[in-house]
C-alpha atoms as a PDB file:
ATOM      1  CA  MET A   1       0.087  -0.418   0.178  1.00  0.00           C
ATOM      2  CA  ASN A   2       1.461   3.502  -1.156  1.00  0.00           C
ATOM      3  CA  CYS A   3       0.172   6.191   1.324  1.00  0.00           C
ATOM      4  CA  ALA A   4       1.238  10.031   0.393  1.00  0.00           C
ATOM      5  CA  ILE A   5       1.148  12.192   2.990  1.00  0.00           C
ATOM      6  CA  VAL A   6       0.205  15.492   2.042  1.00  0.00           C
ATOM      7  CA  LEU A   7       1.321  18.828   3.993  1.00  0.00           C
ATOM      8  CA  ALA A   8      -0.575  22.117   4.291  1.00  0.00           C
ATOM      9  CA  GLY A   9      -0.554  23.523   7.046  1.00  0.00           C
ATOM     10  CA  GLY A  10       1.443  26.301   6.055  1.00  0.00           C
ATOM     11  CA  LYS A  11       0.594  30.111   6.515  1.00  0.00           C
ATOM     12  CA  GLY A  12       1.781  32.113   4.243  1.00  0.00           C
ATOM     13  CA  THR A  13       3.469  35.148   6.012  1.00  0.00           C
ATOM     14  CA  ARG A  14       6.680  34.769   3.428  1.00  0.00           C
ATOM     15  CA  MET A  15       3.564  35.520   0.945  1.00  0.00           C
ATOM     16  CA  ASN A  16       2.482  37.976   3.411  1.00  0.00           C
ATOM     17  CA  SER A  17      -1.145  37.033   2.466  1.00  0.00           C
ATOM     18  CA  GLU A  18      -4.251  36.338   4.633  1.00  0.00           C
ATOM     19  CA  ILE A  19      -4.912  32.815   2.811  1.00  0.00           C
ATOM     20  CA  PRO A  20      -2.339  30.158   3.012  1.00  0.00           C
ATOM     21  CA  LYS A  21      -0.758  29.938  -0.347  1.00  0.00           C
ATOM     22  CA  GLN A  22      -1.890  26.444  -0.409  1.00  0.00           C
ATOM     23  CA  PHE A  23      -5.853  27.677  -0.283  1.00  0.00           C
ATOM     24  CA  LEU A  24      -4.816  30.568  -3.188  1.00  0.00           C
ATOM     25  CA  VAL A  25      -7.513  29.622  -6.058  1.00  0.00           C
ATOM     26  CA  VAL A  26      -5.610  29.316  -9.458  1.00  0.00           C
ATOM     27  CA  GLY A  27      -6.981  28.439 -12.848  1.00  0.00           C
ATOM     28  CA  GLY A  28     -10.618  27.992 -10.719  1.00  0.00           C
ATOM     29  CA  LYS A  29      -9.359  26.128  -8.032  1.00  0.00           C
ATOM     30  CA  PRO A  30      -7.339  25.451  -5.052  1.00  0.00           C
ATOM     31  CA  LEU A  31      -3.654  25.374  -5.274  1.00  0.00           C
ATOM     32  CA  ILE A  32      -4.271  22.287  -3.213  1.00  0.00           C
ATOM     33  CA  SER A  33      -6.441  20.627  -4.802  1.00  0.00           C
ATOM     34  CA  TYR A  34      -3.691  20.000  -7.781  1.00  0.00           C
ATOM     35  CA  SER A  35      -1.631  18.063  -5.742  1.00  0.00           C
ATOM     36  CA  LEU A  36      -4.625  16.018  -4.366  1.00  0.00           C
ATOM     37  CA  ASP A  37      -5.947  15.312  -8.254  1.00  0.00           C
ATOM     38  CA  VAL A  38      -2.196  14.267  -8.606  1.00  0.00           C
ATOM     39  CA  PHE A  39      -2.783  11.245  -5.902  1.00  0.00           C
ATOM     40  CA  GLU A  40      -6.343  10.919  -6.644  1.00  0.00           C
ATOM     41  CA  LYS A  41      -5.641   9.866 -10.321  1.00  0.00           C
ATOM     42  CA  SER A  42      -2.780   8.146  -9.844  1.00  0.00           C
ATOM     43  CA  PRO A  43      -2.850   3.952 -10.501  1.00  0.00           C
ATOM     44  CA  PHE A  44       0.334   3.931  -7.470  1.00  0.00           C
ATOM     45  CA  ILE A  45      -0.823   5.992  -4.665  1.00  0.00           C
ATOM     46  CA  ASP A  46      -4.142   4.379  -2.654  1.00  0.00           C
ATOM     47  CA  ALA A  47      -4.832   6.369   0.388  1.00  0.00           C
ATOM     48  CA  ILE A  48      -3.771  10.300   0.749  1.00  0.00           C
ATOM     49  CA  ILE A  49      -2.991  11.602   4.744  1.00  0.00           C
ATOM     50  CA  ILE A  50      -3.584  16.073   4.330  1.00  0.00           C
ATOM     51  CA  VAL A  51      -1.277  17.790   7.210  1.00  0.00           C
ATOM     52  CA  THR A  52      -3.019  20.731   7.838  1.00  0.00           C
ATOM     53  CA  SER A  53      -3.354  23.360  10.333  1.00  0.00           C
ATOM     54  CA  GLN A  54      -7.276  23.843  12.687  1.00  0.00           C
ATOM     55  CA  ASP A  55      -8.084  26.350  10.987  1.00  0.00           C
ATOM     56  CA  TYR A  56      -8.440  24.945   8.010  1.00  0.00           C
ATOM     57  CA  THR A  57      -9.687  21.560   8.817  1.00  0.00           C
ATOM     58  CA  GLY A  58     -13.515  21.965   8.589  1.00  0.00           C
ATOM     59  CA  TYR A  59     -12.688  23.660   5.060  1.00  0.00           C
ATOM     60  CA  MET A  60     -10.230  20.871   3.861  1.00  0.00           C
ATOM     61  CA  LYS A  61     -12.954  19.050   4.517  1.00  0.00           C
ATOM     62  CA  ALA A  62     -15.455  20.785   2.914  1.00  0.00           C
ATOM     63  CA  LEU A  63     -12.978  20.767   0.019  1.00  0.00           C
ATOM     64  CA  VAL A  64     -12.020  16.669  -0.014  1.00  0.00           C
ATOM     65  CA  LYS A  65     -15.933  16.221   0.121  1.00  0.00           C
ATOM     66  CA  GLU A  66     -17.193  18.806  -2.911  1.00  0.00           C
ATOM     67  CA  ASN A  67     -14.886  17.026  -5.104  1.00  0.00           C
ATOM     68  CA  GLY A  68     -15.524  13.619  -3.332  1.00  0.00           C
ATOM     69  CA  TYR A  69     -12.587  12.304  -3.767  1.00  0.00           C
ATOM     70  CA  LYS A  70     -12.253   9.000  -2.424  1.00  0.00           C
ATOM     71  CA  LYS A  71      -8.856   7.775  -0.905  1.00  0.00           C
ATOM     72  CA  ILE A  72      -8.608  11.105   1.552  1.00  0.00           C
ATOM     73  CA  ALA A  73      -7.345   8.482   4.074  1.00  0.00           C
ATOM     74  CA  GLY A  74      -7.277  11.189   7.297  1.00  0.00           C
ATOM     75  CA  ILE A  75      -6.403  14.900   8.455  1.00  0.00           C
ATOM     76  CA  ALA A  76      -3.823  15.371  10.810  1.00  0.00           C
ATOM     77  CA  LEU A  77      -2.836  18.561  12.316  1.00  0.00           C
ATOM     78  CA  GLY A  78       0.235  20.316  11.107  1.00  0.00           C
ATOM     79  CA  GLY A  79       2.726  21.838  13.918  1.00  0.00           C
ATOM     80  CA  LYS A  80       4.376  23.555  14.960  1.00  0.00           C
ATOM     81  CA  GLU A  81       7.248  23.522  12.533  1.00  0.00           C
ATOM     82  CA  ARG A  82       7.387  21.696   9.303  1.00  0.00           C
ATOM     83  CA  TYR A  83       9.058  18.526  10.888  1.00  0.00           C
ATOM     84  CA  ASP A  84       6.186  18.734  13.190  1.00  0.00           C
ATOM     85  CA  SER A  85       3.522  17.650  10.743  1.00  0.00           C
ATOM     86  CA  VAL A  86       5.172  15.509   8.712  1.00  0.00           C
ATOM     87  CA  HIS A  87       4.971  13.549  12.706  1.00  0.00           C
ATOM     88  CA  SER A  88       2.176  14.280  12.975  1.00  0.00           C
ATOM     89  CA  GLY A  89       1.032  12.289   9.514  1.00  0.00           C
ATOM     90  CA  LEU A  90       3.227   8.883  10.341  1.00  0.00           C
ATOM     91  CA  GLU A  91       1.605   9.363  13.993  1.00  0.00           C
ATOM     92  CA  LEU A  92      -2.396   9.664  11.448  1.00  0.00           C
ATOM     93  CA  ILE A  93      -1.083   6.661   9.551  1.00  0.00           C
ATOM     94  CA  GLN A  94       0.116   4.511  12.325  1.00  0.00           C
ATOM     95  CA  THR A  95      -2.756   4.570  13.979  1.00  0.00           C
ATOM     96  CA  LEU A  96      -5.147   4.373  11.359  1.00  0.00           C
ATOM     97  CA  MET A  97      -3.578   0.689  10.939  1.00  0.00           C
ATOM     98  CA  SER A  98      -3.303  -0.029  14.117  1.00  0.00           C
ATOM     99  CA  SER A  99      -6.593   0.625  14.707  1.00  0.00           C
ATOM    100  CA  GLY A 100      -7.651  -1.475  11.440  1.00  0.00           C
ATOM    101  CA  ALA A 101      -9.410   1.073  10.525  1.00  0.00           C
ATOM    102  CA  GLY A 102     -10.184   1.560   7.029  1.00  0.00           C
ATOM    103  CA  GLN A 103      -8.024   1.813   3.311  1.00  0.00           C
ATOM    104  CA  LEU A 104      -4.922   1.626   5.812  1.00  0.00           C
ATOM    105  CA  SER A 105      -5.266  -1.820   7.010  1.00  0.00           C
ATOM    106  CA  ARG A 106      -6.944  -3.640   4.350  1.00  0.00           C
ATOM    107  CA  ASP A 107      -4.981  -6.727   2.900  1.00  0.00           C
ATOM    108  CA  GLY A 108      -2.176  -6.308   5.429  1.00  0.00           C
ATOM    109  CA  TYR A 109      -0.645  -4.336   3.914  1.00  0.00           C
ATOM    110  CA  GLN A 110       2.075  -2.770   5.237  1.00  0.00           C
ATOM    111  CA  ALA A 111       1.689   1.357   4.632  1.00  0.00           C
ATOM    112  CA  ARG A 112       5.370   3.201   2.595  1.00  0.00           C
ATOM    113  CA  THR A 113       4.774   6.582   2.602  1.00  0.00           C
ATOM    114  CA  ILE A 114       5.803   9.177  -0.045  1.00  0.00           C
ATOM    115  CA  TYR A 115       6.413  12.670   1.311  1.00  0.00           C
ATOM    116  CA  LEU A 116       4.896  15.310  -0.383  1.00  0.00           C
ATOM    117  CA  SER A 117       7.114  18.968  -0.364  1.00  0.00           C
ATOM    118  CA  THR A 118       4.551  21.506  -1.509  1.00  0.00           C
ATOM    119  CA  MET A 119       8.075  23.536  -1.623  1.00  0.00           C
ATOM    120  CA  GLY A 120       8.819  20.945  -4.165  1.00  0.00           C
ATOM    121  CA  GLN A 121      11.676  20.478  -2.304  1.00  0.00           C
ATOM    122  CA  ASP A 122      13.502  16.692  -2.296  1.00  0.00           C
ATOM    123  CA  PRO A 123      12.801  15.474   1.604  1.00  0.00           C
ATOM    124  CA  ALA A 124      16.318  13.984   2.296  1.00  0.00           C
END
C-alpha cells in the first residue's frame, strides 16, 4: 500500500498573504486541489493523508467532499514546524493501520509513505 502525505499547514507569512498559498485560487481551484488531483488519479497511490492547520480542517473536509476524493484516509493537524507536521501525518498512518480502520489495513499490507514537499524540495 502506498500512502501520500500532503502537507498543507503553511501560513503564507513569506507571501504576506492572509490566505495560505495552498488555498489560493488559481485557474478556478485552490492550489492544494492540483496536488490532491494527481494523487487521486495515480494508480501508485492507495491512500492520502492531508496535514493542515486547525483553522483549515473544516475547509479541507468540505473540499474533499466537494471534489469527491475517494482516497483521503484522514486529515491530521499540522505542527509548529514542518517536521512536526510530517510527524503528525506519520502518526495518523500508524494509528489507522493499528486500529484496522479503513484503507490502511486492507489485506494486511504495510503502508509505504511518500512524502510530498509542497515547496518542491527533496525531503532527504
